[in-house]
Protein backbone atom coordinates (compact mmCIF):
# COMPACT_ATOMS: atom_id res chain seq x y z
CA MET A 1 -20.29 -6.01 -0.74
CA CYS A 2 -21.38 -7.08 -4.26
CA ALA A 3 -23.67 -3.73 -4.17
CA ALA A 4 -20.63 -1.81 -3.15
CA LEU A 5 -18.59 -3.39 -6.35
CA ALA A 6 -21.29 -2.84 -8.55
CA ALA A 7 -20.94 0.22 -8.01
CA LEU A 8 -17.63 0.74 -9.86
CA VAL A 9 -17.41 0.94 -13.45
CA LEU A 10 -14.37 -1.64 -13.79
CA ALA A 11 -13.47 -0.80 -17.65
CA PRO A 12 -10.02 0.68 -18.07
CA VAL A 13 -10.15 4.17 -18.07
CA GLY A 14 -8.19 6.88 -19.41
CA VAL A 15 -5.58 8.55 -16.60
CA ALA A 16 -3.65 11.73 -17.19
CA ALA A 17 -0.11 10.77 -16.60
CA ALA A 18 0.59 11.12 -12.69
CA PRO A 19 3.58 13.18 -11.59
CA SER A 20 5.73 10.56 -11.36
CA ALA A 21 6.53 7.09 -13.73
CA VAL A 22 3.72 4.93 -11.76
CA VAL A 23 0.85 4.84 -13.50
CA PRO A 24 -1.85 3.08 -11.09
CA ASP A 25 -5.15 1.16 -12.06
CA VAL A 26 -8.35 3.84 -11.63
CA VAL A 27 -11.68 2.81 -11.12
CA VAL A 28 -14.42 5.33 -12.23
CA THR A 29 -17.50 5.42 -9.56
CA GLU A 30 -21.10 5.92 -11.36
CA GLY A 31 -20.80 8.80 -9.26
CA GLY A 32 -17.72 10.40 -11.68
CA LEU A 33 -15.32 9.67 -8.65
CA ARG A 34 -12.05 8.66 -9.94
CA LEU A 35 -10.25 6.20 -7.45
CA ALA A 36 -6.22 5.39 -7.82
CA LEU A 37 -5.78 1.53 -6.28
CA VAL A 38 -2.82 1.40 -4.25
CA SER A 39 -1.82 -2.02 -3.74
CA CYS A 40 0.98 -4.02 -3.06
CA ALA A 41 3.23 -6.77 -1.51
CA LEU A 42 6.37 -5.92 0.63
CA ARG A 43 9.14 -8.47 1.63
CA ASN A 44 12.38 -8.49 3.36
CA THR A 45 14.38 -11.63 3.38
CA GLY A 46 17.15 -10.17 5.12
CA THR A 47 18.62 -7.86 2.60
CA GLY A 48 16.01 -5.28 2.64
CA TRP A 49 12.55 -4.58 2.19
CA SER A 50 11.11 -3.99 -1.35
CA VAL A 51 7.61 -3.82 -3.69
CA ILE A 52 7.50 -7.27 -5.00
CA SER A 53 6.41 -7.49 -8.29
CA ASP A 54 7.52 -10.92 -10.08
CA ALA A 55 5.51 -13.63 -11.88
CA GLY A 56 3.23 -14.04 -8.92
CA HIS A 57 2.84 -10.36 -7.95
CA GLN A 58 1.85 -7.49 -9.16
CA PRO A 59 1.95 -3.64 -7.58
CA SER A 60 -0.79 -0.70 -8.25
CA GLY A 61 0.87 2.35 -7.75
CA CYS A 62 3.37 1.72 -5.58
CA GLU A 63 6.69 3.11 -6.76
CA ALA A 64 9.40 1.72 -3.84
CA VAL A 65 9.69 1.45 -0.07
CA VAL A 66 12.70 3.12 2.13
CA THR A 67 13.52 1.94 5.38
CA TYR A 68 13.53 4.01 8.70
CA ALA A 69 14.72 3.41 12.18
CA ASP A 70 11.30 3.56 12.98
CA HIS A 71 8.77 2.87 9.95
CA LEU A 72 8.80 2.64 6.19
CA GLU A 73 7.80 4.37 3.82
CA LEU A 74 5.93 3.48 0.96
CA GLN A 75 5.84 5.79 -2.26
CA HIS A 76 2.89 6.10 -4.14
CA ASP A 77 2.82 9.11 -6.04
CA VAL A 78 -0.24 8.71 -8.17
CA GLY A 79 -1.46 12.28 -8.09
CA ALA A 80 -4.15 12.15 -5.41
CA VAL A 81 -6.02 14.62 -3.84
CA LYS A 82 -7.94 12.99 -1.08
CA VAL A 83 -7.41 9.84 1.19
CA SER A 84 -10.07 7.21 0.69
CA SER A 85 -8.82 4.50 2.54
CA LEU A 86 -5.55 1.83 2.91
CA SER A 87 -4.99 -0.63 5.21
CA VAL A 88 -2.26 -2.86 5.77
CA THR A 89 -1.82 -6.26 7.31
CA VAL A 90 0.55 -8.87 7.89
CA ASP A 91 0.02 -12.48 6.11
CA GLU A 92 0.24 -15.82 8.49
CA THR A 93 4.19 -16.21 8.67
CA TYR A 94 4.22 -12.47 10.73
CA ALA A 95 0.84 -13.24 12.23
CA LYS A 96 1.87 -16.22 13.64
CA SER A 97 5.14 -14.17 15.30
CA GLY A 98 2.25 -11.12 16.60
CA LEU A 99 3.88 -8.60 14.53
CA ARG A 100 1.02 -5.87 14.07
CA VAL A 101 1.15 -3.14 11.58
CA GLY A 102 -0.15 0.66 11.07
CA ALA A 103 -0.07 3.19 8.57
CA SER A 104 -0.03 6.81 8.58
CA VAL A 105 -1.45 7.82 5.32
CA GLY A 106 -0.69 10.27 2.78
CA PHE A 107 -0.86 11.56 -0.62
CA ASP A 108 2.50 10.81 -2.24
CA HIS A 109 3.60 8.13 0.42
CA SER A 110 2.60 6.25 3.50
CA ASN A 111 4.40 5.59 6.67
CA ILE A 112 4.10 2.22 7.88
CA TYR A 113 4.92 1.17 11.43
CA LEU A 114 5.90 -2.01 12.96
CA HIS A 115 4.90 -3.25 16.12
CA SER A 116 5.45 -6.86 18.17
CA GLY A 117 5.57 -5.63 22.06
CA ALA A 118 2.73 -4.32 24.48
CA ALA A 119 0.25 -1.84 23.44
CA GLY A 120 2.09 1.81 23.42
CA SER A 121 5.17 0.34 22.79
CA ALA A 122 8.39 1.95 20.61
CA PRO A 123 7.61 0.81 16.89
CA LEU A 124 10.40 -1.79 15.49
CA ASN A 125 13.25 -0.83 13.26
CA PRO A 126 12.01 -2.62 10.21
CA ALA A 127 15.28 -3.16 9.41
CA THR A 128 15.55 -5.97 12.16
CA VAL A 129 12.19 -7.95 10.91
CA SER A 130 12.35 -10.32 8.21
CA ALA A 131 11.36 -13.98 6.71
CA SER A 132 12.42 -15.82 3.99
CA SER A 133 8.39 -15.89 2.29
CA GLY A 134 6.46 -13.09 4.95
CA ASN A 135 5.02 -10.67 3.58
CA LEU A 136 2.84 -7.30 4.43
CA TRP A 137 -0.01 -6.75 2.44
CA VAL A 138 -1.30 -3.12 1.54
CA GLN A 139 -4.16 -1.85 -0.19
CA GLY A 140 -5.84 1.45 -0.62
CA TRP A 141 -8.04 3.43 -2.47
CA LEU A 142 -6.39 7.15 -3.44
CA ILE A 143 -8.98 9.91 -4.46
CA LEU A 144 -7.53 11.51 -7.69
CA PRO A 145 -8.91 15.29 -9.27
CA ALA A 146 -11.54 15.60 -11.34
CA ALA A 147 -11.41 14.17 -15.27
């Protein structure tokens, strides 16, 4: 893991304005690949899902989350041209309840599906999933155009 991190130049770099108002954190590899960090915590305390941005949470590249009947849409229009990776995990609150999550990732948004039933079961309606302190954690890297 340390060798992989050592390959990144972590100093802030100039970023051309993204198509939206979101300016992500960007790293540049020794080979010159530009990667935008897409990361955040998502929470629904009972009034709807949102990206947490407060004294203890700092999102990067995430604009908003929209709730649909069978998934969440995380908007992250950072100007990506390829997807490197993105993962979504549950915290200990949701892990205890058996919640599972998975994402379908795109350049400007990702669809996050929540499940609790048997394999092959239909996704849950995200509006029905809430906890006062439960989070979904999102972390990913999207490839930006060459500088």
